[in-house]
């Protein structure tokens, strides 16, 4: 999961902690803290532990939770697909009607 690594580093430095000190408190290796701060990727358990130790909310630390994905529609393509679907439905309905008409006579 992606986290806000800048916030993590800022909170660590605000307390005057080294990466090793934070790692010792959380129960991780200093290399893991280095990786998290450089790449911004960690597990949910580690993110929760970091939030508890740094006394910050998980929503603040997690980058993806605040983002609202905007869905963009390609209106002309959507209209074209709806037109084709309507056309196919019309053709199918006509064929069914003709076949049922001839089968009843």
C-alpha atoms as a PDB file:
ATOM      1  CA  UNK A   1       0.000   0.000   0.000  1.00  0.00           C
ATOM      2  CA  UNK A   2       1.161   3.535  -0.704  1.00  0.00           C
ATOM      3  CA  UNK A   3       1.738   5.926   2.150  1.00  0.00           C
ATOM      4  CA  UNK A   4       2.705   9.559   2.426  1.00  0.00           C
ATOM      5  CA  UNK A   5       6.421   9.036   3.018  1.00  0.00           C
ATOM      6  CA  UNK A   6       7.047  12.778   3.393  1.00  0.00           C
ATOM      7  CA  UNK A   7       4.591  12.921   6.301  1.00  0.00           C
ATOM      8  CA  UNK A   8       6.257   9.890   7.874  1.00  0.00           C
ATOM      9  CA  UNK A   9       9.683  11.500   7.648  1.00  0.00           C
ATOM     10  CA  UNK A  10       8.357  14.854   8.862  1.00  0.00           C
ATOM     11  CA  UNK A  11       6.736  13.254  11.920  1.00  0.00           C
ATOM     12  CA  UNK A  12       9.889  11.268  12.674  1.00  0.00           C
ATOM     13  CA  UNK A  13      12.115  14.338  12.420  1.00  0.00           C
ATOM     14  CA  UNK A  14       9.673  16.444  14.444  1.00  0.00           C
ATOM     15  CA  UNK A  15      10.332  14.094  17.345  1.00  0.00           C
ATOM     16  CA  UNK A  16      14.092  14.140  16.733  1.00  0.00           C
ATOM     17  CA  UNK A  17      14.175  10.417  16.006  1.00  0.00           C
ATOM     18  CA  UNK A  18      16.588   8.652  13.701  1.00  0.00           C
ATOM     19  CA  UNK A  19      15.390   5.958  11.334  1.00  0.00           C
ATOM     20  CA  UNK A  20      17.029   3.413  13.640  1.00  0.00           C
ATOM     21  CA  UNK A  21      15.169   4.769  16.678  1.00  0.00           C
ATOM     22  CA  UNK A  22      11.816   4.595  14.882  1.00  0.00           C
ATOM     23  CA  UNK A  23      12.646   1.107  13.652  1.00  0.00           C
ATOM     24  CA  UNK A  24      13.447  -0.033  17.200  1.00  0.00           C
ATOM     25  CA  UNK A  25      10.191   1.370  18.574  1.00  0.00           C
ATOM     26  CA  UNK A  26       8.057  -0.167  15.819  1.00  0.00           C
ATOM     27  CA  UNK A  27       9.977  -3.438  15.803  1.00  0.00           C
ATOM     28  CA  UNK A  28      11.321  -3.212  12.265  1.00  0.00           C
ATOM     29  CA  UNK A  29      14.757  -2.986  10.740  1.00  0.00           C
ATOM     30  CA  UNK A  30      16.241   0.395   9.914  1.00  0.00           C
ATOM     31  CA  UNK A  31      16.461  -0.774   6.298  1.00  0.00           C
ATOM     32  CA  UNK A  32      12.673  -1.212   6.265  1.00  0.00           C
ATOM     33  CA  UNK A  33      12.179   2.351   7.521  1.00  0.00           C
ATOM     34  CA  UNK A  34      14.610   3.591   4.847  1.00  0.00           C
ATOM     35  CA  UNK A  35      12.678   1.732   2.159  1.00  0.00           C
ATOM     36  CA  UNK A  36       9.317   3.031   3.381  1.00  0.00           C
ATOM     37  CA  UNK A  37      10.580   6.622   3.470  1.00  0.00           C
ATOM     38  CA  UNK A  38      12.165   6.378   0.031  1.00  0.00           C
ATOM     39  CA  UNK A  39       9.516   4.389  -1.848  1.00  0.00           C
ATOM     40  CA  UNK A  40       6.391   5.102   0.206  1.00  0.00           C
ATOM     41  CA  UNK A  41       5.245   1.476   0.109  1.00  0.00           C
ATOM     42  CA  UNK A  42       4.488  -0.760   3.094  1.00  0.00           C
ATOM     43  CA  UNK A  43       2.032  -3.310   4.439  1.00  0.00           C
ATOM     44  CA  UNK A  44      -1.187  -2.454   6.277  1.00  0.00           C
ATOM     45  CA  UNK A  45       0.204  -3.866   9.545  1.00  0.00           C
ATOM     46  CA  UNK A  46       3.350  -1.762   9.322  1.00  0.00           C
ATOM     47  CA  UNK A  47       1.348   1.358   8.441  1.00  0.00           C
ATOM     48  CA  UNK A  48      -0.891   0.755  11.464  1.00  0.00           C
ATOM     49  CA  UNK A  49       2.140   0.314  13.737  1.00  0.00           C
ATOM     50  CA  UNK A  50       3.726   3.509  12.421  1.00  0.00           C
ATOM     51  CA  UNK A  51       0.488   5.428  12.979  1.00  0.00           C
ATOM     52  CA  UNK A  52       0.251   4.168  16.560  1.00  0.00           C
ATOM     53  CA  UNK A  53       3.845   5.061  17.381  1.00  0.00           C
ATOM     54  CA  UNK A  54       3.726   8.473  15.698  1.00  0.00           C
ATOM     55  CA  UNK A  55       0.199   9.179  16.989  1.00  0.00           C
ATOM     56  CA  UNK A  56      -1.176  10.113  13.577  1.00  0.00           C
ATOM     57  CA  UNK A  57      -4.324   8.881  11.879  1.00  0.00           C
ATOM     58  CA  UNK A  58      -4.113   6.177   9.274  1.00  0.00           C
ATOM     59  CA  UNK A  59      -6.084   8.362   6.836  1.00  0.00           C
ATOM     60  CA  UNK A  60      -3.377  11.021   7.071  1.00  0.00           C
ATOM     61  CA  UNK A  61      -0.622   8.499   6.426  1.00  0.00           C
ATOM     62  CA  UNK A  62      -2.324   6.613   3.617  1.00  0.00           C
ATOM     63  CA  UNK A  63      -2.176   8.473   0.332  1.00  0.00           C
ATOM     64  CA  UNK A  64      -4.776   6.451  -1.586  1.00  0.00           C
ATOM     65  CA  UNK A  65      -7.596   6.857   0.941  1.00  0.00           C
ATOM     66  CA  UNK A  66      -7.910  10.602   0.426  1.00  0.00           C
ATOM     67  CA  UNK A  67      -7.957  10.473  -3.342  1.00  0.00           C
ATOM     68  CA  UNK A  68     -11.312  10.386  -5.034  1.00  0.00           C
ATOM     69  CA  UNK A  69     -11.002   8.717  -8.362  1.00  0.00           C
ATOM     70  CA  UNK A  70     -12.674  10.754 -11.054  1.00  0.00           C
ATOM     71  CA  UNK A  71     -14.369   8.669 -13.674  1.00  0.00           C
ATOM     72  CA  UNK A  72     -14.168  10.228 -17.091  1.00  0.00           C
ATOM     73  CA  UNK A  73     -16.567   9.156 -19.763  1.00  0.00           C
ATOM     74  CA  UNK A  74     -15.900   9.456 -23.430  1.00  0.00           C
ATOM     75  CA  UNK A  75     -19.354  10.815 -24.340  1.00  0.00           C
ATOM     76  CA  UNK A  76     -19.137  10.280 -28.120  1.00  0.00           C
ATOM     77  CA  UNK A  77     -17.997   6.672 -27.635  1.00  0.00           C
ATOM     78  CA  UNK A  78     -20.724   6.069 -25.060  1.00  0.00           C
ATOM     79  CA  UNK A  79     -23.362   7.458 -27.441  1.00  0.00           C
ATOM     80  CA  UNK A  80     -22.028   5.293 -30.269  1.00  0.00           C
ATOM     81  CA  UNK A  81     -22.126   2.155 -28.110  1.00  0.00           C
ATOM     82  CA  UNK A  82     -25.678   2.939 -26.982  1.00  0.00           C
ATOM     83  CA  UNK A  83     -26.687   3.461 -30.618  1.00  0.00           C
ATOM     84  CA  UNK A  84     -25.195   0.101 -31.632  1.00  0.00           C
ATOM     85  CA  UNK A  85     -26.852  -1.627 -28.652  1.00  0.00           C
ATOM     86  CA  UNK A  86     -30.222  -0.113 -29.605  1.00  0.00           C
ATOM     87  CA  UNK A  87     -29.737  -1.095 -33.228  1.00  0.00           C
ATOM     88  CA  UNK A  88     -28.882  -4.686 -32.293  1.00  0.00           C
ATOM     89  CA  UNK A  89     -31.840  -4.865 -29.925  1.00  0.00           C
ATOM     90  CA  UNK A  90     -34.129  -3.583 -32.669  1.00  0.00           C
ATOM     91  CA  UNK A  91     -32.816  -6.104 -35.199  1.00  0.00           C
ATOM     92  CA  UNK A  92     -33.122  -8.952 -32.683  1.00  0.00           C
ATOM     93  CA  UNK A  93     -36.680  -7.936 -31.772  1.00  0.00           C
ATOM     94  CA  UNK A  94     -37.677  -7.727 -35.450  1.00  0.00           C
ATOM     95  CA  UNK A  95     -36.233 -11.184 -36.197  1.00  0.00           C
ATOM     96  CA  UNK A  96     -38.034 -12.713 -33.207  1.00  0.00           C
ATOM     97  CA  UNK A  97     -41.304 -11.057 -34.270  1.00  0.00           C
ATOM     98  CA  UNK A  98     -41.008 -12.274 -37.871  1.00  0.00           C
ATOM     99  CA  UNK A  99     -40.115 -15.811 -36.801  1.00  0.00           C
ATOM    100  CA  UNK A 100     -42.980 -15.991 -34.330  1.00  0.00           C
ATOM    101  CA  UNK A 101     -45.407 -14.613 -36.951  1.00  0.00           C
ATOM    102  CA  UNK A 102     -44.493 -17.287 -39.488  1.00  0.00           C
ATOM    103  CA  UNK A 103     -44.543 -20.095 -36.918  1.00  0.00           C
ATOM    104  CA  UNK A 104     -48.103 -19.220 -35.803  1.00  0.00           C
ATOM    105  CA  UNK A 105     -49.614 -19.114 -39.321  1.00  0.00           C
END
